[in-house]
């Protein structure tokens, strides 16, 4: 009887460790997306009223492309600029820090930045 109980206890404990290992493994596999801004590249200066083309890309760990509403463009001066891989915007005068935020289907988030100066 003691041997049988020990064997059941051992099997339960082994199964528990296996399940915990799988859970920890799947949690640690989640990684934020890889995000890049193609345009503007580097520091950009433009005149007030000029259009600025924004192009950005993002992929997740599986190299799946993240696009559409999962990509959000913002300016620290003008607020939300729009969503998607490509936008064309006009910014107010001043120095802007633009951000492109990508959200993966699992809810992981990454953000990259670019500087733009708009002169009068």
N, C-alpha and C. Protein backbone atom coordinates (compact mmCIF):
# COMPACT_ATOMS: atom_id res chain seq x y z
N UNK A 1 0.82 -1.19 0.00
CA UNK A 1 0.00 0.00 0.00
C UNK A 1 0.86 1.26 0.00
N UNK A 2 1.92 1.29 0.79
CA UNK A 2 2.79 2.45 0.85
C UNK A 2 3.49 2.64 -0.49
N UNK A 3 3.91 1.55 -1.12
CA UNK A 3 4.56 1.63 -2.41
C UNK A 3 3.61 2.21 -3.45
N UNK A 4 2.38 1.77 -3.45
CA UNK A 4 1.39 2.25 -4.41
C UNK A 4 1.13 3.75 -4.21
N UNK A 5 1.01 4.18 -2.98
CA UNK A 5 0.78 5.58 -2.66
C UNK A 5 1.96 6.45 -3.11
N UNK A 6 3.16 5.96 -2.86
CA UNK A 6 4.35 6.70 -3.28
C UNK A 6 4.40 6.85 -4.79
N UNK A 7 4.04 5.78 -5.49
CA UNK A 7 4.05 5.83 -6.95
C UNK A 7 3.02 6.83 -7.47
N UNK A 8 1.83 6.84 -6.88
CA UNK A 8 0.80 7.81 -7.27
C UNK A 8 1.28 9.23 -6.98
N UNK A 9 1.85 9.42 -5.80
CA UNK A 9 2.37 10.74 -5.42
C UNK A 9 3.46 11.18 -6.40
N UNK A 10 4.36 10.27 -6.73
CA UNK A 10 5.44 10.59 -7.66
C UNK A 10 4.89 10.97 -9.04
N UNK A 11 3.93 10.19 -9.56
CA UNK A 11 3.34 10.49 -10.86
C UNK A 11 2.63 11.85 -10.85
N UNK A 12 1.90 12.14 -9.77
CA UNK A 12 1.21 13.43 -9.65
C UNK A 12 2.23 14.57 -9.65
N UNK A 13 3.28 14.42 -8.86
CA UNK A 13 4.30 15.46 -8.76
C UNK A 13 5.00 15.67 -10.10
N UNK A 14 5.32 14.59 -10.80
CA UNK A 14 5.96 14.69 -12.12
C UNK A 14 5.06 15.40 -13.12
N UNK A 15 3.77 15.06 -13.10
CA UNK A 15 2.81 15.71 -13.99
C UNK A 15 2.69 17.19 -13.66
N UNK A 16 2.66 17.51 -12.37
CA UNK A 16 2.58 18.90 -11.93
C UNK A 16 3.79 19.69 -12.43
N UNK A 17 4.99 19.15 -12.27
CA UNK A 17 6.19 19.82 -12.74
C UNK A 17 6.18 20.01 -14.25
N UNK A 18 5.71 19.01 -14.97
CA UNK A 18 5.61 19.11 -16.43
C UNK A 18 4.67 20.24 -16.82
N UNK A 19 3.50 20.31 -16.18
CA UNK A 19 2.54 21.37 -16.49
C UNK A 19 3.09 22.74 -16.14
N UNK A 20 3.75 22.87 -15.00
CA UNK A 20 4.36 24.14 -14.62
C UNK A 20 5.43 24.52 -15.63
N UNK A 21 6.23 23.57 -16.05
CA UNK A 21 7.27 23.84 -17.04
C UNK A 21 6.69 24.33 -18.35
N UNK A 22 5.61 23.73 -18.81
CA UNK A 22 4.95 24.15 -20.05
C UNK A 22 4.40 25.56 -19.88
N UNK A 23 3.77 25.85 -18.74
CA UNK A 23 3.21 27.18 -18.50
C UNK A 23 4.30 28.23 -18.47
N UNK A 24 5.37 27.99 -17.75
CA UNK A 24 6.48 28.94 -17.68
C UNK A 24 7.09 29.12 -19.05
N UNK A 25 7.25 28.04 -19.80
CA UNK A 25 7.81 28.13 -21.13
C UNK A 25 6.96 28.98 -22.05
N UNK A 26 5.64 28.81 -22.00
CA UNK A 26 4.79 29.59 -22.90
C UNK A 26 4.72 31.04 -22.47
N UNK A 27 4.84 31.32 -21.19
CA UNK A 27 4.86 32.71 -20.74
C UNK A 27 6.14 33.39 -21.17
N UNK A 28 7.28 32.71 -21.02
CA UNK A 28 8.55 33.34 -21.34
C UNK A 28 8.80 33.43 -22.84
N UNK A 29 8.01 32.73 -23.67
CA UNK A 29 8.18 32.80 -25.12
C UNK A 29 7.63 34.11 -25.68
N UNK A 30 6.74 34.76 -24.96
CA UNK A 30 6.15 36.00 -25.45
C UNK A 30 7.22 37.08 -25.48
N UNK A 31 7.40 37.68 -26.63
CA UNK A 31 8.37 38.76 -26.79
C UNK A 31 7.70 39.92 -27.48
N UNK A 32 8.11 41.14 -27.15
CA UNK A 32 7.51 42.29 -27.82
C UNK A 32 7.87 42.31 -29.31
N UNK A 33 7.04 42.98 -30.12
CA UNK A 33 7.33 43.06 -31.56
C UNK A 33 8.62 43.82 -31.84
N UNK A 34 9.18 43.56 -33.01
CA UNK A 34 10.31 44.34 -33.52
C UNK A 34 9.72 45.45 -34.38
N UNK A 35 10.01 46.70 -34.04
CA UNK A 35 9.40 47.85 -34.72
C UNK A 35 10.50 48.72 -35.32
N UNK A 36 10.23 49.26 -36.51
CA UNK A 36 11.19 50.19 -37.12
C UNK A 36 10.44 51.29 -37.88
N UNK A 37 11.06 52.45 -37.92
CA UNK A 37 10.55 53.57 -38.71
C UNK A 37 11.45 53.72 -39.93
N UNK A 38 10.87 53.54 -41.10
CA UNK A 38 11.62 53.71 -42.36
C UNK A 38 11.70 55.18 -42.73
N UNK A 39 10.56 55.87 -42.65
CA UNK A 39 10.49 57.31 -42.89
C UNK A 39 9.71 57.97 -41.76
N UNK A 40 10.15 59.07 -41.23
CA UNK A 40 11.36 59.80 -41.58
C UNK A 40 12.61 59.07 -41.06
N UNK A 41 13.70 59.20 -41.79
CA UNK A 41 14.94 58.58 -41.34
C UNK A 41 15.88 59.67 -40.83
N UNK A 42 16.43 59.44 -39.68
CA UNK A 42 17.30 60.45 -39.07
C UNK A 42 16.48 61.64 -38.61
N UNK A 43 17.17 62.73 -38.29
CA UNK A 43 16.48 63.96 -37.91
C UNK A 43 16.06 64.69 -39.17
N UNK A 44 14.80 65.11 -39.23
CA UNK A 44 14.25 65.75 -40.42
C UNK A 44 13.79 67.15 -40.05
N UNK A 45 14.06 68.11 -40.95
CA UNK A 45 13.55 69.48 -40.80
C UNK A 45 12.72 69.79 -42.03
N UNK A 46 11.52 70.33 -41.80
CA UNK A 46 10.67 70.73 -42.92
C UNK A 46 9.93 72.02 -42.57
N UNK A 47 9.36 72.63 -43.59
CA UNK A 47 8.63 73.88 -43.42
C UNK A 47 7.19 73.60 -43.01
N UNK A 48 6.64 74.53 -42.23
CA UNK A 48 5.24 74.41 -41.82
C UNK A 48 4.37 74.31 -43.07
N UNK A 49 3.42 73.41 -43.08
CA UNK A 49 2.54 73.20 -44.23
C UNK A 49 3.01 72.09 -45.15
N UNK A 50 4.27 71.70 -45.05
CA UNK A 50 4.78 70.58 -45.86
C UNK A 50 4.25 69.27 -45.31
N UNK A 51 3.97 68.35 -46.23
CA UNK A 51 3.53 67.02 -45.82
C UNK A 51 4.74 66.17 -45.46
N UNK A 52 4.53 65.31 -44.49
CA UNK A 52 5.57 64.39 -44.06
C UNK A 52 5.03 62.97 -44.21
N UNK A 53 5.76 62.15 -44.94
CA UNK A 53 5.35 60.75 -45.12
C UNK A 53 5.95 59.92 -44.00
N UNK A 54 5.10 59.12 -43.35
CA UNK A 54 5.52 58.22 -42.29
C UNK A 54 5.37 56.78 -42.79
N UNK A 55 6.44 56.01 -42.66
CA UNK A 55 6.39 54.59 -43.03
C UNK A 55 7.03 53.81 -41.89
N UNK A 56 6.31 52.80 -41.41
CA UNK A 56 6.83 51.97 -40.33
C UNK A 56 6.50 50.51 -40.54
N UNK A 57 7.26 49.67 -39.87
CA UNK A 57 7.10 48.22 -40.00
C UNK A 57 7.22 47.56 -38.63
N UNK A 58 6.55 46.43 -38.48
CA UNK A 58 6.67 45.65 -37.24
C UNK A 58 6.42 44.17 -37.54
N UNK A 59 7.15 43.34 -36.83
CA UNK A 59 6.95 41.89 -36.90
C UNK A 59 6.98 41.33 -35.49
N UNK A 60 6.37 40.16 -35.31
CA UNK A 60 6.45 39.50 -34.01
C UNK A 60 7.52 38.42 -34.06
N UNK A 61 7.66 37.67 -32.97
CA UNK A 61 8.71 36.65 -32.87
C UNK A 61 8.64 35.61 -34.00
N UNK A 62 7.42 35.33 -34.47
CA UNK A 62 7.24 34.35 -35.54
C UNK A 62 7.45 34.95 -36.92
N UNK A 63 7.94 36.19 -36.98
CA UNK A 63 8.14 36.92 -38.23
C UNK A 63 6.83 37.23 -38.94
N UNK A 64 5.72 37.21 -38.21
CA UNK A 64 4.44 37.62 -38.78
C UNK A 64 4.42 39.15 -38.83
N UNK A 65 3.92 39.69 -39.93
CA UNK A 65 3.86 41.14 -40.09
C UNK A 65 2.70 41.69 -39.27
N UNK A 66 2.99 42.73 -38.50
CA UNK A 66 1.97 43.44 -37.73
C UNK A 66 1.62 44.69 -38.51
N UNK A 67 0.34 44.89 -38.77
CA UNK A 67 -0.04 46.03 -39.61
C UNK A 67 -1.40 46.59 -39.21
N UNK A 68 -1.83 47.59 -39.95
CA UNK A 68 -3.15 48.18 -39.74
C UNK A 68 -3.28 48.87 -38.39
N UNK A 69 -4.40 48.62 -37.72
CA UNK A 69 -4.70 49.26 -36.45
C UNK A 69 -3.73 48.91 -35.34
N UNK A 70 -2.92 47.87 -35.52
CA UNK A 70 -1.94 47.48 -34.51
C UNK A 70 -0.72 48.39 -34.50
N UNK A 71 -0.65 49.31 -35.47
CA UNK A 71 0.44 50.30 -35.54
C UNK A 71 -0.14 51.68 -35.29
N UNK A 72 0.34 52.35 -34.26
CA UNK A 72 -0.18 53.66 -33.87
C UNK A 72 0.93 54.70 -33.89
N UNK A 73 0.70 55.79 -34.65
CA UNK A 73 1.63 56.91 -34.75
C UNK A 73 1.17 58.04 -33.84
N UNK A 74 2.13 58.63 -33.10
CA UNK A 74 1.84 59.77 -32.22
C UNK A 74 2.94 60.81 -32.34
N UNK A 75 2.57 62.04 -32.02
CA UNK A 75 3.52 63.15 -31.88
C UNK A 75 3.38 63.66 -30.45
N UNK A 76 4.51 63.97 -29.82
CA UNK A 76 4.43 64.51 -28.46
C UNK A 76 3.81 65.91 -28.44
N UNK A 77 3.76 66.59 -29.60
CA UNK A 77 3.15 67.93 -29.69
C UNK A 77 1.71 67.89 -30.21
N UNK A 78 1.47 67.06 -31.22
CA UNK A 78 0.17 67.07 -31.90
C UNK A 78 -0.74 65.89 -31.52
N UNK A 79 -0.26 64.97 -30.70
CA UNK A 79 -1.09 63.85 -30.27
C UNK A 79 -1.13 62.72 -31.31
N UNK A 80 -2.25 62.02 -31.34
CA UNK A 80 -2.41 60.89 -32.25
C UNK A 80 -2.42 61.36 -33.69
N UNK A 81 -1.58 60.73 -34.52
CA UNK A 81 -1.49 61.07 -35.95
C UNK A 81 -2.28 60.10 -36.82
N UNK A 82 -2.40 58.86 -36.37
CA UNK A 82 -3.14 57.87 -37.14
C UNK A 82 -2.60 56.47 -36.92
N UNK A 83 -3.18 55.53 -37.67
CA UNK A 83 -2.80 54.12 -37.56
C UNK A 83 -2.42 53.58 -38.93
N UNK A 84 -1.57 52.57 -38.91
CA UNK A 84 -1.19 51.89 -40.14
C UNK A 84 0.28 52.01 -40.46
N UNK A 85 0.68 51.30 -41.52
CA UNK A 85 2.08 51.28 -41.94
C UNK A 85 2.51 52.58 -42.58
N UNK A 86 1.60 53.24 -43.30
CA UNK A 86 1.94 54.45 -44.04
C UNK A 86 0.92 55.54 -43.75
N UNK A 87 1.42 56.73 -43.46
CA UNK A 87 0.58 57.91 -43.26
C UNK A 87 1.23 59.10 -43.92
N UNK A 88 0.43 60.08 -44.24
CA UNK A 88 0.95 61.37 -44.68
C UNK A 88 0.30 62.41 -43.78
N UNK A 89 1.15 63.22 -43.11
CA UNK A 89 0.66 64.17 -42.11
C UNK A 89 1.28 65.55 -42.30
N UNK A 90 0.64 66.54 -41.70
CA UNK A 90 1.21 67.87 -41.57
C UNK A 90 1.28 68.17 -40.08
N UNK A 91 2.46 68.56 -39.63
CA UNK A 91 2.69 68.80 -38.22
C UNK A 91 2.73 70.29 -37.92
N UNK A 92 2.41 70.65 -36.69
CA UNK A 92 2.51 72.04 -36.26
C UNK A 92 3.99 72.43 -36.13
N UNK A 93 4.25 73.74 -36.08
CA UNK A 93 5.63 74.23 -35.95
C UNK A 93 6.20 73.79 -34.61
N UNK A 94 7.48 73.46 -34.62
CA UNK A 94 8.18 73.06 -33.40
C UNK A 94 8.92 71.75 -33.58
N UNK A 95 9.53 71.31 -32.50
CA UNK A 95 10.28 70.04 -32.50
C UNK A 95 9.34 68.94 -32.01
N UNK A 96 9.23 67.90 -32.79
CA UNK A 96 8.34 66.78 -32.49
C UNK A 96 9.16 65.52 -32.23
N UNK A 97 8.71 64.76 -31.25
CA UNK A 97 9.18 63.39 -31.10
C UNK A 97 8.03 62.52 -31.55
N UNK A 98 8.22 61.84 -32.68
CA UNK A 98 7.20 60.94 -33.20
C UNK A 98 7.44 59.55 -32.63
N UNK A 99 6.36 58.85 -32.35
CA UNK A 99 6.49 57.47 -31.90
C UNK A 99 5.62 56.57 -32.75
N UNK A 100 6.13 55.38 -32.99
CA UNK A 100 5.37 54.32 -33.65
C UNK A 100 5.27 53.18 -32.64
N UNK A 101 4.05 52.88 -32.24
CA UNK A 101 3.80 51.81 -31.26
C UNK A 101 3.15 50.64 -31.97
N UNK A 102 3.73 49.46 -31.79
CA UNK A 102 3.18 48.23 -32.37
C UNK A 102 2.69 47.33 -31.26
N UNK A 103 1.49 46.77 -31.46
CA UNK A 103 0.91 45.84 -30.49
C UNK A 103 0.70 44.49 -31.19
N UNK A 104 1.31 43.44 -30.64
CA UNK A 104 1.19 42.11 -31.23
C UNK A 104 -0.19 41.53 -30.91
N UNK A 105 -0.59 40.47 -31.60
CA UNK A 105 -1.87 39.82 -31.30
C UNK A 105 -1.96 39.34 -29.84
N UNK A 106 -0.81 39.09 -29.20
CA UNK A 106 -0.79 38.65 -27.80
C UNK A 106 -0.80 39.81 -26.82
N UNK A 107 -0.81 41.05 -27.35
CA UNK A 107 -0.84 42.22 -26.48
C UNK A 107 0.52 42.76 -26.08
N UNK A 108 1.60 42.19 -26.63
CA UNK A 108 2.94 42.71 -26.37
C UNK A 108 3.12 44.02 -27.13
N UNK A 109 3.80 44.99 -26.51
CA UNK A 109 3.91 46.33 -27.09
C UNK A 109 5.37 46.74 -27.21
N UNK A 110 5.72 47.38 -28.34
CA UNK A 110 7.04 47.99 -28.54
C UNK A 110 6.84 49.36 -29.17
N UNK A 111 7.81 50.25 -28.92
CA UNK A 111 7.70 51.62 -29.42
C UNK A 111 9.07 52.10 -29.88
N UNK A 112 9.10 52.81 -31.00
CA UNK A 112 10.33 53.45 -31.49
C UNK A 112 10.02 54.92 -31.76
N UNK A 113 11.09 55.73 -31.87
CA UNK A 113 10.92 57.17 -31.95
C UNK A 113 11.73 57.78 -33.10
N UNK A 114 11.26 58.95 -33.55
CA UNK A 114 11.98 59.73 -34.56
C UNK A 114 11.77 61.21 -34.22
N UNK A 115 12.76 62.05 -34.56
CA UNK A 115 12.68 63.49 -34.31
C UNK A 115 12.39 64.23 -35.61
N UNK A 116 11.46 65.19 -35.55
CA UNK A 116 11.13 66.02 -36.71
C UNK A 116 11.01 67.46 -36.21
N UNK A 117 11.63 68.37 -36.95
CA UNK A 117 11.52 69.79 -36.64
C UNK A 117 10.75 70.47 -37.76
N UNK A 118 9.72 71.23 -37.39
CA UNK A 118 8.93 71.98 -38.36
C UNK A 118 9.16 73.47 -38.08
N UNK A 119 9.65 74.18 -39.11
CA UNK A 119 9.94 75.61 -38.96
C UNK A 119 8.87 76.43 -39.68
N UNK A 120 8.66 77.67 -39.19
CA UNK A 120 7.67 78.58 -39.83
C UNK A 120 8.12 79.06 -41.18
